[in-house]
Amino acid sequence: MDILIFIVSMTALIYGADFIIEESEKIALHYKISPFVIGATLVALGTSLPEMAVSMSASLKGSGDIAVANVIGSTIFNISLVLAVVFIISKEIKPSRDLFAKDSAWALFPILVFILMGIDGKINAVDGVLFLILMAAYLTFLIGSNQVEEIDDELAKEKFAWGKTSLLLLAGFMLTIGGADFAIDSAGNIAREFGVSEWMIGLFLVAFGTSLPELTISIKAALNNNADLAIGNIIGSNVANFTMVLGLSSIVNTLNVDLSAHFFDIAAAFILSLMLVFITANKLYNKSAGIVLLVVLGLVIQNGA
């Protein structure tokens, strides 16, 4: 029964996020914001809502391991699975933006801050506020780097209605928040029933589920030859996971972090972030890079199994 509840609740999370993503994109296009900035801000924040809802709910329920593992696992899946799939299915990727010069630091900096904050074994409300300040800095940077000329004129001309958008946004938030609450309860029960730690449940089961919106949106963007939005979504989601998700979760309740016990998983997320920087520096937006990322994912899963 718990497995069925988990599947239904994760479905609600994904559909809720999908509503929020689509309507957020319409708002962004209505106000003439570029595809990369759309992907790295509104779409990234939208696809990170499941992680935020799950981690905050877990924090409130005292399941700090699920909250932190969800963020680490989502980072791993976003780069090694989502980005890999984008590289493999895309015919050609030529981002109009210099991702290495402008954005690579943001792919790496948040996880470094997380590691430094976790040295004392906990992330508290003060750390959470610092995370949120970092998120605000990222959003300010992106908005300042917006390039209006990248806008899809046809999409920008579509009829925009605040009433319909507001209702769909509300429905999305209700599905996301409700789904997260049930997902945490059922995931915890599954962990206890099979003798699996909450960390492992958060790292793989919950993190994979909450990464599905990123996967869906990025695949759609890649198939539409919109690599800027796809890659922007992945970078922005990872930034949001560490800053907004962990920030709000730690403000709700102090999160315990055992860096030594979970060294391999945290190191995997860090190494994958380094690989993302390396890929952008050398413009390795190709199928070979995608295959290498999938191999790394396989090694991480094998170690955790």
C-alpha atoms as a PDB file:
ATOM      1  CA  MET A   1       0.000   0.000   0.000  1.00  0.00           C
ATOM      2  CA  ASP A   2       2.829   2.406   0.857  1.00  0.00           C
ATOM      3  CA  ILE A   3       4.422   1.787  -2.540  1.00  0.00           C
ATOM      4  CA  LEU A   4       1.134   2.675  -4.282  1.00  0.00           C
ATOM      5  CA  ILE A   5       0.767   5.818  -2.173  1.00  0.00           C
ATOM      6  CA  PHE A   6       4.360   6.765  -3.007  1.00  0.00           C
ATOM      7  CA  ILE A   7       3.743   6.343  -6.761  1.00  0.00           C
ATOM      8  CA  VAL A   8       0.499   8.368  -6.649  1.00  0.00           C
ATOM      9  CA  SER A   9       2.075  11.124  -4.542  1.00  0.00           C
ATOM     10  CA  MET A  10       5.120  11.364  -6.841  1.00  0.00           C
ATOM     11  CA  THR A  11       2.734  11.578  -9.817  1.00  0.00           C
ATOM     12  CA  ALA A  12       0.962  14.471  -8.105  1.00  0.00           C
ATOM     13  CA  LEU A  13       4.332  16.142  -7.502  1.00  0.00           C
ATOM     14  CA  ILE A  14       5.312  15.820 -11.155  1.00  0.00           C
ATOM     15  CA  TYR A  15       1.978  17.042 -12.547  1.00  0.00           C
ATOM     16  CA  GLY A  16       1.922  19.903 -10.065  1.00  0.00           C
ATOM     17  CA  ALA A  17       5.425  20.945 -11.080  1.00  0.00           C
ATOM     18  CA  ASP A  18       4.430  20.661 -14.747  1.00  0.00           C
ATOM     19  CA  PHE A  19       1.557  23.122 -14.263  1.00  0.00           C
ATOM     20  CA  ILE A  20       3.867  25.559 -12.485  1.00  0.00           C
ATOM     21  CA  ILE A  21       6.607  25.202 -15.113  1.00  0.00           C
ATOM     22  CA  GLU A  22       4.298  25.812 -18.084  1.00  0.00           C
ATOM     23  CA  GLU A  23       2.586  28.819 -16.560  1.00  0.00           C
ATOM     24  CA  SER A  24       5.879  30.281 -15.306  1.00  0.00           C
ATOM     25  CA  GLU A  25       7.282  29.995 -18.820  1.00  0.00           C
ATOM     26  CA  LYS A  26       4.253  31.834 -20.217  1.00  0.00           C
ATOM     27  CA  ILE A  27       4.801  34.647 -17.715  1.00  0.00           C
ATOM     28  CA  ALA A  28       8.492  34.824 -18.621  1.00  0.00           C
ATOM     29  CA  LEU A  29       7.795  34.875 -22.350  1.00  0.00           C
ATOM     30  CA  HIS A  30       5.079  37.502 -21.869  1.00  0.00           C
ATOM     31  CA  TYR A  31       7.684  39.771 -20.263  1.00  0.00           C
ATOM     32  CA  LYS A  32      10.359  38.968 -22.888  1.00  0.00           C
ATOM     33  CA  ILE A  33      12.907  36.964 -20.926  1.00  0.00           C
ATOM     34  CA  SER A  34      15.467  34.854 -22.827  1.00  0.00           C
ATOM     35  CA  PRO A  35      15.250  31.024 -23.057  1.00  0.00           C
ATOM     36  CA  PHE A  36      18.382  30.433 -20.964  1.00  0.00           C
ATOM     37  CA  VAL A  37      17.202  32.782 -18.222  1.00  0.00           C
ATOM     38  CA  ILE A  38      13.744  31.179 -18.365  1.00  0.00           C
ATOM     39  CA  GLY A  39      15.367  27.773 -17.943  1.00  0.00           C
ATOM     40  CA  ALA A  40      17.736  28.838 -15.175  1.00  0.00           C
ATOM     41  CA  THR A  41      15.177  30.809 -13.168  1.00  0.00           C
ATOM     42  CA  LEU A  42      11.447  30.168 -13.485  1.00  0.00           C
ATOM     43  CA  VAL A  43      11.629  26.705 -15.056  1.00  0.00           C
ATOM     44  CA  ALA A  44      14.496  25.667 -12.755  1.00  0.00           C
ATOM     45  CA  LEU A  45      12.610  26.912  -9.707  1.00  0.00           C
ATOM     46  CA  GLY A  46       9.502  25.136 -10.944  1.00  0.00           C
ATOM     47  CA  THR A  47      11.273  21.821 -11.473  1.00  0.00           C
ATOM     48  CA  SER A  48      12.900  22.191  -8.042  1.00  0.00           C
ATOM     49  CA  LEU A  49       9.534  22.540  -6.316  1.00  0.00           C
ATOM     50  CA  PRO A  50       9.202  18.768  -5.749  1.00  0.00           C
ATOM     51  CA  GLU A  51      12.631  18.740  -4.081  1.00  0.00           C
ATOM     52  CA  MET A  52      11.689  21.777  -1.996  1.00  0.00           C
ATOM     53  CA  ALA A  53       8.319  20.351  -0.964  1.00  0.00           C
ATOM     54  CA  VAL A  54       9.800  16.946  -0.109  1.00  0.00           C
ATOM     55  CA  SER A  55      12.823  18.300   1.780  1.00  0.00           C
ATOM     56  CA  MET A  56      10.805  20.850   3.768  1.00  0.00           C
ATOM     57  CA  SER A  57       8.210  18.223   4.646  1.00  0.00           C
ATOM     58  CA  ALA A  58      10.975  15.808   5.663  1.00  0.00           C
ATOM     59  CA  SER A  59      12.610  18.514   7.786  1.00  0.00           C
ATOM     60  CA  LEU A  60       9.314  19.253   9.552  1.00  0.00           C
ATOM     61  CA  LYS A  61       8.844  15.543  10.266  1.00  0.00           C
ATOM     62  CA  GLY A  62      12.376  15.220  11.642  1.00  0.00           C
ATOM     63  CA  SER A  63      13.639  13.154   8.685  1.00  0.00           C
ATOM     64  CA  GLY A  64      16.691  15.294   7.995  1.00  0.00           C
ATOM     65  CA  ASP A  65      18.512  12.516   6.155  1.00  0.00           C
ATOM     66  CA  ILE A  66      15.801  12.389   3.484  1.00  0.00           C
ATOM     67  CA  ALA A  67      15.909  16.192   3.130  1.00  0.00           C
ATOM     68  CA  VAL A  68      19.677  16.308   2.552  1.00  0.00           C
ATOM     69  CA  ALA A  69      19.937  13.055   0.561  1.00  0.00           C
ATOM     70  CA  ASN A  70      17.158  14.290  -1.743  1.00  0.00           C
ATOM     71  CA  VAL A  71      19.258  17.325  -2.689  1.00  0.00           C
ATOM     72  CA  ILE A  72      22.478  15.314  -3.148  1.00  0.00           C
ATOM     73  CA  GLY A  73      20.668  12.646  -5.178  1.00  0.00           C
ATOM     74  CA  SER A  74      18.852  15.202  -7.336  1.00  0.00           C
ATOM     75  CA  THR A  75      22.153  16.889  -8.166  1.00  0.00           C
ATOM     76  CA  ILE A  76      23.608  13.534  -9.193  1.00  0.00           C
ATOM     77  CA  PHE A  77      20.593  12.636 -11.348  1.00  0.00           C
ATOM     78  CA  ASN A  78      20.326  16.100 -12.922  1.00  0.00           C
ATOM     79  CA  ILE A  79      23.879  15.936 -14.285  1.00  0.00           C
ATOM     80  CA  SER A  80      24.506  12.226 -14.861  1.00  0.00           C
ATOM     81  CA  LEU A  81      21.022  11.349 -16.172  1.00  0.00           C
ATOM     82  CA  VAL A  82      19.182  14.475 -17.339  1.00  0.00           C
ATOM     83  CA  LEU A  83      22.172  16.226 -18.941  1.00  0.00           C
ATOM     84  CA  ALA A  84      23.370  12.922 -20.400  1.00  0.00           C
ATOM     85  CA  VAL A  85      19.997  12.298 -22.060  1.00  0.00           C
ATOM     86  CA  VAL A  86      19.986  15.852 -23.459  1.00  0.00           C
ATOM     87  CA  PHE A  87      23.433  15.300 -25.007  1.00  0.00           C
ATOM     88  CA  ILE A  88      22.482  11.912 -26.454  1.00  0.00           C
ATOM     89  CA  ILE A  89      19.122  12.841 -28.041  1.00  0.00           C
ATOM     90  CA  SER A  90      20.068  16.297 -29.340  1.00  0.00           C
ATOM     91  CA  LYS A  91      21.016  16.551 -33.003  1.00  0.00           C
ATOM     92  CA  GLU A  92      23.316  19.486 -32.376  1.00  0.00           C
ATOM     93  CA  ILE A  93      23.988  21.622 -29.319  1.00  0.00           C
ATOM     94  CA  LYS A  94      25.381  25.098 -29.821  1.00  0.00           C
ATOM     95  CA  PRO A  95      24.382  27.263 -26.862  1.00  0.00           C
ATOM     96  CA  SER A  96      24.222  30.930 -27.794  1.00  0.00           C
ATOM     97  CA  ARG A  97      25.568  31.756 -24.336  1.00  0.00           C
ATOM     98  CA  ASP A  98      29.135  31.191 -23.089  1.00  0.00           C
ATOM     99  CA  LEU A  99      28.173  28.792 -20.300  1.00  0.00           C
ATOM    100  CA  PHE A 100      31.726  28.386 -18.996  1.00  0.00           C
ATOM    101  CA  ALA A 101      32.472  32.091 -18.651  1.00  0.00           C
ATOM    102  CA  LYS A 102      29.053  33.068 -17.283  1.00  0.00           C
ATOM    103  CA  ASP A 103      27.561  30.079 -15.490  1.00  0.00           C
ATOM    104  CA  SER A 104      30.049  27.305 -14.654  1.00  0.00           C
ATOM    105  CA  ALA A 105      30.958  28.779 -11.266  1.00  0.00           C
ATOM    106  CA  TRP A 106      27.307  28.634 -10.253  1.00  0.00           C
ATOM    107  CA  ALA A 107      27.282  24.905 -11.028  1.00  0.00           C
ATOM    108  CA  LEU A 108      30.083  24.305  -8.519  1.00  0.00           C
ATOM    109  CA  PHE A 109      29.948  27.052  -5.888  1.00  0.00           C
ATOM    110  CA  PRO A 110      26.736  25.982  -4.033  1.00  0.00           C
ATOM    111  CA  ILE A 111      27.985  22.437  -3.319  1.00  0.00           C
ATOM    112  CA  LEU A 112      31.290  23.850  -2.032  1.00  0.00           C
ATOM    113  CA  VAL A 113      29.342  26.118   0.326  1.00  0.00           C
ATOM    114  CA  PHE A 114      27.252  23.115   1.435  1.00  0.00           C
ATOM    115  CA  ILE A 115      30.401  21.101   2.261  1.00  0.00           C
ATOM    116  CA  LEU A 116      31.897  23.998   4.248  1.00  0.00           C
ATOM    117  CA  MET A 117      28.647  24.518   6.143  1.00  0.00           C
ATOM    118  CA  GLY A 118      28.393  20.798   6.904  1.00  0.00           C
ATOM    119  CA  ILE A 119      31.850  20.494   8.506  1.00  0.00           C
ATOM    120  CA  ASP A 120      30.361  21.148  11.955  1.00  0.00           C
ATOM    121  CA  GLY A 121      27.788  18.401  11.393  1.00  0.00           C
ATOM    122  CA  LYS A 122      24.717  20.567  10.944  1.00  0.00           C
ATOM    123  CA  ILE A 123      23.076  23.188   8.776  1.00  0.00           C
ATOM    124  CA  ASN A 124      21.076  25.617  10.879  1.00  0.00           C
ATOM    125  CA  ALA A 125      18.820  28.611  10.288  1.00  0.00           C
ATOM    126  CA  VAL A 126      21.749  31.022   9.925  1.00  0.00           C
ATOM    127  CA  ASP A 127      23.233  28.796   7.227  1.00  0.00           C
ATOM    128  CA  GLY A 128      19.788  28.657   5.634  1.00  0.00           C
ATOM    129  CA  VAL A 129      19.577  32.442   5.411  1.00  0.00           C
ATOM    130  CA  LEU A 130      23.037  32.539   3.803  1.00  0.00           C
ATOM    131  CA  PHE A 131      21.866  29.951   1.263  1.00  0.00           C
ATOM    132  CA  LEU A 132      18.839  32.107   0.396  1.00  0.00           C
ATOM    133  CA  ILE A 133      21.084  35.168  -0.024  1.00  0.00           C
ATOM    134  CA  LEU A 134      23.199  33.110  -2.447  1.00  0.00           C
ATOM    135  CA  MET A 135      20.044  32.188  -4.389  1.00  0.00           C
ATOM    136  CA  ALA A 136      19.038  35.861  -4.551  1.00  0.00           C
ATOM    137  CA  ALA A 137      22.510  36.727  -5.876  1.00  0.00           C
ATOM    138  CA  TYR A 138      22.166  34.045  -8.565  1.00  0.00           C
ATOM    139  CA  LEU A 139      18.772  35.321  -9.688  1.00  0.00           C
ATOM    140  CA  THR A 140      20.060  38.905  -9.764  1.00  0.00           C
ATOM    141  CA  PHE A 141      23.016  37.797 -11.884  1.00  0.00           C
ATOM    142  CA  LEU A 142      20.777  35.926 -14.346  1.00  0.00           C
ATOM    143  CA  ILE A 143      18.264  38.731 -14.741  1.00  0.00           C
ATOM    144  CA  GLY A 144      21.137  41.151 -15.330  1.00  0.00           C
ATOM    145  CA  SER A 145      22.541  38.883 -18.056  1.00  0.00           C
ATOM    146  CA  ASN A 146      19.231  38.479 -19.893  1.00  0.00           C
ATOM    147  CA  GLN A 147      19.427  38.692 -23.683  1.00  0.00           C
ATOM    148  CA  VAL A 148      16.080  39.756 -25.085  1.00  0.00           C
ATOM    149  CA  GLU A 149      17.021  38.960 -28.674  1.00  0.00           C
ATOM    150  CA  GLU A 150      16.883  35.207 -27.966  1.00  0.00           C
ATOM    151  CA  ILE A 151      13.115  35.213 -27.449  1.00  0.00           C
ATOM    152  CA  ASP A 152      10.910  32.997 -29.601  1.00  0.00           C
ATOM    153  CA  ASP A 153       8.639  35.619 -31.198  1.00  0.00           C
ATOM    154  CA  GLU A 154       5.808  33.177 -31.888  1.00  0.00           C
ATOM    155  CA  LEU A 155       5.614  32.036 -28.271  1.00  0.00           C
ATOM    156  CA  ALA A 156       5.891  35.602 -27.044  1.00  0.00           C
ATOM    157  CA  LYS A 157       2.859  36.592 -29.148  1.00  0.00           C
ATOM    158  CA  GLU A 158       0.597  33.875 -27.687  1.00  0.00           C
ATOM    159  CA  LYS A 159      -2.428  35.182 -25.819  1.00  0.00           C
ATOM    160  CA  PHE A 160      -1.687  35.573 -22.127  1.00  0.00           C
ATOM    161  CA  ALA A 161      -4.416  35.447 -19.457  1.00  0.00           C
ATOM    162  CA  TRP A 162      -3.564  36.102 -15.825  1.00  0.00           C
ATOM    163  CA  GLY A 163      -6.787  34.452 -14.589  1.00  0.00           C
ATOM    164  CA  LYS A 164      -6.133  31.049 -16.171  1.00  0.00           C
ATOM    165  CA  THR A 165      -2.442  31.207 -15.288  1.00  0.00           C
ATOM    166  CA  SER A 166      -3.187  31.999 -11.628  1.00  0.00           C
ATOM    167  CA  LEU A 167      -5.627  29.079 -11.304  1.00  0.00           C
ATOM    168  CA  LEU A 168      -3.206  26.611 -12.866  1.00  0.00           C
ATOM    169  CA  LEU A 169      -0.384  27.889 -10.654  1.00  0.00           C
ATOM    170  CA  LEU A 170      -2.589  27.396  -7.580  1.00  0.00           C
ATOM    171  CA  ALA A 171      -3.490  23.855  -8.693  1.00  0.00           C
ATOM    172  CA  GLY A 172       0.185  23.145  -9.268  1.00  0.00           C
ATOM    173  CA  PHE A 173       1.187  24.292  -5.800  1.00  0.00           C
ATOM    174  CA  MET A 174      -1.597  22.252  -4.164  1.00  0.00           C
ATOM    175  CA  LEU A 175      -0.580  19.075  -6.018  1.00  0.00           C
ATOM    176  CA  THR A 176       3.094  19.631  -5.256  1.00  0.00           C
ATOM    177  CA  ILE A 177       2.681  20.322  -1.548  1.00  0.00           C
ATOM    178  CA  GLY A 178       0.115  17.559  -1.020  1.00  0.00           C
ATOM    179  CA  GLY A 179       2.161  15.049  -3.003  1.00  0.00           C
ATOM    180  CA  ALA A 180       5.283  15.849  -1.003  1.00  0.00           C
ATOM    181  CA  ASP A 181       3.553  15.232   2.318  1.00  0.00           C
ATOM    182  CA  PHE A 182       2.317  11.776   1.296  1.00  0.00           C
ATOM    183  CA  ALA A 183       5.597  10.944  -0.457  1.00  0.00           C
ATOM    184  CA  ILE A 184       7.603  11.482   2.737  1.00  0.00           C
ATOM    185  CA  ASP A 185       5.276   9.392   4.899  1.00  0.00           C
ATOM    186  CA  SER A 186       5.185   6.501   2.425  1.00  0.00           C
ATOM    187  CA  ALA A 187       8.937   6.661   1.710  1.00  0.00           C
ATOM    188  CA  GLY A 188       9.675   6.484   5.425  1.00  0.00           C
ATOM    189  CA  ASN A 189       7.392   3.460   5.805  1.00  0.00           C
ATOM    190  CA  ILE A 190       9.050   1.745   2.817  1.00  0.00           C
ATOM    191  CA  ALA A 191      12.480   2.365   4.327  1.00  0.00           C
ATOM    192  CA  ARG A 192      11.477   0.837   7.657  1.00  0.00           C
ATOM    193  CA  GLU A 193       9.716  -2.128   6.013  1.00  0.00           C
ATOM    194  CA  PHE A 194      12.722  -3.141   3.903  1.00  0.00           C
ATOM    195  CA  GLY A 195      15.367  -2.161   6.430  1.00  0.00           C
ATOM    196  CA  VAL A 196      16.757   0.537   4.113  1.00  0.00           C
ATOM    197  CA  SER A 197      18.108   3.757   5.608  1.00  0.00           C
ATOM    198  CA  GLU A 198      16.259   7.025   5.072  1.00  0.00           C
ATOM    199  CA  TRP A 199      19.439   8.384   3.442  1.00  0.00           C
ATOM    200  CA  MET A 200      19.359   5.699   0.730  1.00  0.00           C
ATOM    201  CA  ILE A 201      15.616   6.182   0.166  1.00  0.00           C
ATOM    202  CA  GLY A 202      16.166   9.933  -0.235  1.00  0.00           C
ATOM    203  CA  LEU A 203      19.282   9.549  -2.370  1.00  0.00           C
ATOM    204  CA  PHE A 204      17.784   7.202  -4.958  1.00  0.00           C
ATOM    205  CA  LEU A 205      14.008   6.672  -4.732  1.00  0.00           C
ATOM    206  CA  VAL A 206      12.874  10.179  -3.737  1.00  0.00           C
ATOM    207  CA  ALA A 207      15.635  12.010  -5.636  1.00  0.00           C
ATOM    208  CA  PHE A 208      14.895  10.150  -8.867  1.00  0.00           C
ATOM    209  CA  GLY A 209      11.191  10.935  -8.543  1.00  0.00           C
ATOM    210  CA  THR A 210      11.756  14.615  -7.839  1.00  0.00           C
ATOM    211  CA  SER A 211      14.210  14.811 -10.783  1.00  0.00           C
ATOM    212  CA  LEU A 212      11.581  13.647 -13.269  1.00  0.00           C
ATOM    213  CA  PRO A 213      10.332  17.220 -13.972  1.00  0.00           C
ATOM    214  CA  GLU A 214      13.882  18.272 -14.923  1.00  0.00           C
ATOM    215  CA  LEU A 215      14.175  15.200 -17.129  1.00  0.00           C
ATOM    216  CA  THR A 216      10.836  15.821 -18.839  1.00  0.00           C
ATOM    217  CA  ILE A 217      11.384  19.528 -19.438  1.00  0.00           C
ATOM    218  CA  SER A 218      14.968  19.083 -20.640  1.00  0.00           C
ATOM    219  CA  ILE A 219      14.000  16.313 -23.078  1.00  0.00           C
ATOM    220  CA  LYS A 220      11.221  18.495 -24.494  1.00  0.00           C
ATOM    221  CA  ALA A 221      13.633  21.406 -24.840  1.00  0.00           C
ATOM    222  CA  ALA A 222      16.332  19.231 -26.477  1.00  0.00           C
ATOM    223  CA  LEU A 223      13.873  17.776 -28.995  1.00  0.00           C
ATOM    224  CA  ASN A 224      12.820  21.334 -29.863  1.00  0.00           C
ATOM    225  CA  ASN A 225      16.486  22.302 -30.422  1.00  0.00           C
ATOM    226  CA  ASN A 226      16.411  24.585 -27.387  1.00  0.00           C
ATOM    227  CA  ALA A 227      19.650  23.560 -25.672  1.00  0.00           C
ATOM    228  CA  ASP A 228      19.878  26.883 -23.834  1.00  0.00           C
ATOM    229  CA  LEU A 229      16.693  26.183 -21.884  1.00  0.00           C
ATOM    230  CA  ALA A 230      17.639  22.532 -21.241  1.00  0.00           C
ATOM    231  CA  ILE A 231      21.115  23.258 -19.880  1.00  0.00           C
ATOM    232  CA  GLY A 232      19.935  26.379 -18.066  1.00  0.00           C
ATOM    233  CA  ASN A 233      17.259  24.272 -16.367  1.00  0.00           C
ATOM    234  CA  ILE A 234      19.857  21.781 -15.088  1.00  0.00           C
ATOM    235  CA  ILE A 235      22.321  24.393 -13.795  1.00  0.00           C
ATOM    236  CA  GLY A 236      19.546  26.486 -12.271  1.00  0.00           C
ATOM    237  CA  SER A 237      17.909  23.464 -10.637  1.00  0.00           C
ATOM    238  CA  ASN A 238      21.155  22.407  -8.978  1.00  0.00           C
ATOM    239  CA  VAL A 239      21.711  25.924  -7.654  1.00  0.00           C
ATOM    240  CA  ALA A 240      18.124  26.035  -6.364  1.00  0.00           C
ATOM    241  CA  ASN A 241      18.453  22.599  -4.739  1.00  0.00           C
ATOM    242  CA  PHE A 242      21.392  23.636  -2.573  1.00  0.00           C
ATOM    243  CA  THR A 243      20.395  27.230  -1.894  1.00  0.00           C
ATOM    244  CA  MET A 244      16.597  27.420  -1.844  1.00  0.00           C
ATOM    245  CA  VAL A 245      15.721  23.820  -0.918  1.00  0.00           C
ATOM    246  CA  LEU A 246      18.355  23.308   1.788  1.00  0.00           C
ATOM    247  CA  GLY A 247      18.051  26.930   2.855  1.00  0.00           C
ATOM    248  CA  LEU A 248      14.317  26.762   3.565  1.00  0.00           C
ATOM    249  CA  SER A 249      14.559  23.231   5.021  1.00  0.00           C
ATOM    250  CA  SER A 250      17.247  24.275   7.499  1.00  0.00           C
ATOM    251  CA  ILE A 251      15.236  27.317   8.554  1.00  0.00           C
ATOM    252  CA  VAL A 252      12.275  25.039   9.288  1.00  0.00           C
ATOM    253  CA  ASN A 253      14.453  22.659  11.322  1.00  0.00           C
ATOM    254  CA  THR A 254      18.213  22.250  11.796  1.00  0.00           C
ATOM    255  CA  LEU A 255      19.556  19.553   9.458  1.00  0.00           C
ATOM    256  CA  ASN A 256      22.206  17.099  10.651  1.00  0.00           C
ATOM    257  CA  VAL A 257      24.922  16.405   8.066  1.00  0.00           C
ATOM    258  CA  ASP A 258      27.432  13.562   8.425  1.00  0.00           C
ATOM    259  CA  LEU A 259      30.003  14.285   5.722  1.00  0.00           C
ATOM    260  CA  SER A 260      32.191  11.295   6.565  1.00  0.00           C
ATOM    261  CA  ALA A 261      29.350   8.744   6.620  1.00  0.00           C
ATOM    262  CA  HIS A 262      28.087   9.887   3.232  1.00  0.00           C
ATOM    263  CA  PHE A 263      31.447  10.816   1.731  1.00  0.00           C
ATOM    264  CA  PHE A 264      31.016   8.805  -1.483  1.00  0.00           C
ATOM    265  CA  ASP A 265      27.611  10.280  -2.375  1.00  0.00           C
ATOM    266  CA  ILE A 266      28.628  13.871  -1.621  1.00  0.00           C
ATOM    267  CA  ALA A 267      31.918  13.363  -3.492  1.00  0.00           C
ATOM    268  CA  ALA A 268      29.973  11.971  -6.476  1.00  0.00           C
ATOM    269  CA  ALA A 269      27.786  15.097  -6.589  1.00  0.00           C
ATOM    270  CA  PHE A 270      30.907  17.289  -6.352  1.00  0.00           C
ATOM    271  CA  ILE A 271      32.809  15.381  -9.056  1.00  0.00           C
ATOM    272  CA  LEU A 272      29.805  15.496 -11.399  1.00  0.00           C
ATOM    273  CA  SER A 273      29.592  19.266 -10.831  1.00  0.00           C
ATOM    274  CA  LEU A 274      33.290  19.490 -11.754  1.00  0.00           C
ATOM    275  CA  MET A 275      32.567  17.435 -14.874  1.00  0.00           C
ATOM    276  CA  LEU A 276      29.838  19.899 -15.831  1.00  0.00           C
ATOM    277  CA  VAL A 277      32.353  22.755 -15.542  1.00  0.00           C
ATOM    278  CA  PHE A 278      34.843  20.772 -17.652  1.00  0.00           C
ATOM    279  CA  ILE A 279      32.188  20.086 -20.304  1.00  0.00           C
ATOM    280  CA  THR A 280      31.240  23.768 -20.581  1.00  0.00           C
ATOM    281  CA  ALA A 281      34.901  24.860 -20.635  1.00  0.00           C
ATOM    282  CA  ASN A 282      35.668  22.564 -23.570  1.00  0.00           C
ATOM    283  CA  LYS A 283      32.216  22.781 -25.202  1.00  0.00           C
ATOM    284  CA  LEU A 284      31.828  18.990 -25.119  1.00  0.00           C
ATOM    285  CA  TYR A 285      28.110  19.062 -25.874  1.00  0.00           C
ATOM    286  CA  ASN A 286      28.016  15.686 -27.601  1.00  0.00           C
ATOM    287  CA  LYS A 287      26.886  12.060 -27.320  1.00  0.00           C
ATOM    288  CA  SER A 288      30.280  10.885 -26.026  1.00  0.00           C
ATOM    289  CA  ALA A 289      30.006  13.213 -23.022  1.00  0.00           C
ATOM    290  CA  GLY A 290      26.481  11.921 -22.419  1.00  0.00           C
ATOM    291  CA  ILE A 291      27.667   8.299 -22.409  1.00  0.00           C
ATOM    292  CA  VAL A 292      30.471   9.112 -19.948  1.00  0.00           C
ATOM    293  CA  LEU A 293      27.953  10.768 -17.603  1.00  0.00           C
ATOM    294  CA  LEU A 294      25.700   7.701 -17.762  1.00  0.00           C
ATOM    295  CA  VAL A 295      28.684   5.461 -16.913  1.00  0.00           C
ATOM    296  CA  VAL A 296      29.361   7.619 -13.838  1.00  0.00           C
ATOM    297  CA  LEU A 297      25.688   7.286 -12.836  1.00  0.00           C
ATOM    298  CA  GLY A 298      25.990   3.508 -13.154  1.00  0.00           C
ATOM    299  CA  LEU A 299      29.029   3.496 -10.851  1.00  0.00           C
ATOM    300  CA  VAL A 300      27.222   5.623  -8.261  1.00  0.00           C
ATOM    301  CA  ILE A 301      24.171   3.351  -8.293  1.00  0.00           C
ATOM    302  CA  GLN A 302      26.347   0.223  -8.110  1.00  0.00           C
ATOM    303  CA  ASN A 303      28.170   1.567  -5.070  1.00  0.00           C
ATOM    304  CA  GLY A 304      24.918   2.496  -3.366  1.00  0.00           C
ATOM    305  CA  ALA A 305      23.171  -0.779  -4.113  1.00  0.00           C
END
